[in-house]
């Protein structure tokens, strides 16, 4: 786990981001440190590898866990974005772009595909 901090100017306003980079765990750890991480955050970016079906398949459970923890408290929609990484490895792709878009649409999340290598 790592916490990164980054300053960015958006619309003339200085914004400080604290990004808590958490490795994937295969199950939601209710009542544990994962719940504390969720309470700490204001928004979520969940990244999966387009070359790893298991990293994609865990997303619905993670998103349901996040929404239950955050939206249950104040009834406000929590910002969640799903990001498919490793777009440059299209020859190893096992999760299609369409699958990612459909999952994001069904769970009311944003969606992007990127390549961290590029």
Protein backbone atom coordinates (compact mmCIF):
# COMPACT_ATOMS: atom_id res chain seq x y z
CA UNK A 1 0.00 0.00 0.00
CA UNK A 2 1.18 3.48 -0.84
CA UNK A 3 -0.24 6.96 -0.38
CA UNK A 4 0.68 9.47 -3.07
CA UNK A 5 0.00 13.20 -2.83
CA UNK A 6 -0.36 15.46 -5.84
CA UNK A 7 -1.28 19.14 -6.30
CA UNK A 8 -3.30 20.08 -9.35
CA UNK A 9 -4.93 23.30 -10.51
CA UNK A 10 -8.49 22.79 -11.79
CA UNK A 11 -10.53 25.76 -12.97
CA UNK A 12 -8.13 28.10 -11.19
CA UNK A 13 -8.43 26.25 -7.87
CA UNK A 14 -5.54 24.41 -6.26
CA UNK A 15 -6.57 20.88 -5.32
CA UNK A 16 -4.54 18.46 -3.23
CA UNK A 17 -5.09 14.81 -4.05
CA UNK A 18 -4.17 12.01 -1.68
CA UNK A 19 -4.21 8.74 -3.55
CA UNK A 20 -4.22 5.54 -1.53
CA UNK A 21 -2.94 2.79 -3.81
CA UNK A 22 -4.23 -0.50 -2.41
CA UNK A 23 -3.35 -3.89 -3.91
CA UNK A 24 -6.25 -6.11 -4.91
CA UNK A 25 -7.51 -8.63 -2.39
CA UNK A 26 -9.73 -11.40 -3.66
CA UNK A 27 -12.55 -10.75 -1.17
CA UNK A 28 -14.08 -7.72 0.44
CA UNK A 29 -12.82 -7.71 4.01
CA UNK A 30 -15.89 -6.44 5.82
CA UNK A 31 -15.21 -4.88 9.21
CA UNK A 32 -11.51 -4.70 8.47
CA UNK A 33 -8.97 -2.27 7.12
CA UNK A 34 -10.75 -2.29 3.74
CA UNK A 35 -13.80 -0.67 5.30
CA UNK A 36 -11.55 1.97 6.89
CA UNK A 37 -10.01 2.68 3.48
CA UNK A 38 -13.47 3.16 2.02
CA UNK A 39 -14.47 5.62 4.75
CA UNK A 40 -11.24 7.58 4.16
CA UNK A 41 -11.88 8.14 0.45
CA UNK A 42 -14.13 10.62 -1.36
CA UNK A 43 -14.04 8.82 -4.70
CA UNK A 44 -12.75 5.56 -6.15
CA UNK A 45 -10.81 4.43 -9.20
CA UNK A 46 -10.85 0.65 -9.55
CA UNK A 47 -8.24 -0.66 -11.99
CA UNK A 48 -8.25 -4.08 -13.64
CA UNK A 49 -5.99 -5.61 -16.24
CA UNK A 50 -7.57 -6.30 -19.62
CA UNK A 51 -5.28 -9.37 -19.67
CA UNK A 52 -6.58 -10.78 -16.36
CA UNK A 53 -10.21 -11.89 -16.17
CA UNK A 54 -10.03 -12.43 -12.37
CA UNK A 55 -9.12 -8.77 -11.79
CA UNK A 56 -12.21 -7.80 -13.81
CA UNK A 57 -14.54 -10.33 -12.21
CA UNK A 58 -13.90 -9.02 -8.67
CA UNK A 59 -15.10 -5.50 -9.58
CA UNK A 60 -18.86 -5.96 -9.00
CA UNK A 61 -18.24 -7.24 -5.46
CA UNK A 62 -15.84 -4.38 -4.69
CA UNK A 63 -18.24 -1.77 -6.07
CA UNK A 64 -21.21 -3.18 -4.14
CA UNK A 65 -19.11 -3.13 -0.96
CA UNK A 66 -18.07 0.49 -1.57
CA UNK A 67 -21.60 1.64 -2.33
CA UNK A 68 -23.03 -0.13 0.72
CA UNK A 69 -20.44 1.50 2.97
CA UNK A 70 -20.54 5.01 1.49
CA UNK A 71 -24.02 5.54 0.10
CA UNK A 72 -25.74 3.92 3.06
CA UNK A 73 -24.44 6.68 5.31
CA UNK A 74 -25.56 9.80 3.49
CA UNK A 75 -27.59 8.65 0.46
CA UNK A 76 -25.21 10.54 -1.85
CA UNK A 77 -23.87 8.86 -4.96
CA UNK A 78 -20.20 7.99 -4.53
CA UNK A 79 -17.99 8.72 -7.58
CA UNK A 80 -16.54 5.46 -8.93
CA UNK A 81 -14.55 4.98 -12.14
CA UNK A 82 -13.58 1.62 -13.60
CA UNK A 83 -10.28 1.64 -15.52
CA UNK A 84 -9.08 -1.13 -17.80
CA UNK A 85 -5.28 -1.04 -17.86
CA UNK A 86 -2.73 -2.53 -20.28
CA UNK A 87 -4.50 -1.39 -23.42
CA UNK A 88 -1.10 -1.64 -25.16
CA UNK A 89 -1.22 -5.44 -24.67
CA UNK A 90 -4.24 -5.86 -26.97
CA UNK A 91 -2.83 -9.17 -28.25
CA UNK A 92 -3.18 -10.61 -24.70
CA UNK A 93 -6.64 -9.12 -24.08
CA UNK A 94 -9.17 -11.39 -22.36
CA UNK A 95 -11.65 -8.68 -21.29
CA UNK A 96 -13.20 -6.72 -24.16
CA UNK A 97 -13.74 -2.96 -24.07
CA UNK A 98 -17.45 -3.63 -24.48
CA UNK A 99 -17.51 -5.80 -21.34
CA UNK A 100 -15.87 -2.99 -19.38
CA UNK A 101 -18.30 -0.38 -20.70
CA UNK A 102 -21.31 -2.59 -19.99
CA UNK A 103 -20.17 -3.33 -16.44
CA UNK A 104 -19.62 0.37 -15.76
CA UNK A 105 -23.02 1.22 -17.22
CA UNK A 106 -24.78 -1.47 -15.16
CA UNK A 107 -23.11 -0.28 -11.94
CA UNK A 108 -23.49 3.46 -12.68
CA UNK A 109 -19.73 4.07 -12.88
CA UNK A 110 -17.43 5.88 -15.27
CA UNK A 111 -15.22 3.85 -17.61
CA UNK A 112 -11.86 4.32 -19.32
CA UNK A 113 -9.23 2.11 -20.89
CA UNK A 114 -5.60 3.19 -20.57
CA UNK A 115 -2.05 2.00 -20.88
CA UNK A 116 0.17 2.91 -17.95
CA UNK A 117 3.15 1.90 -20.12
CA UNK A 118 2.26 4.52 -22.73
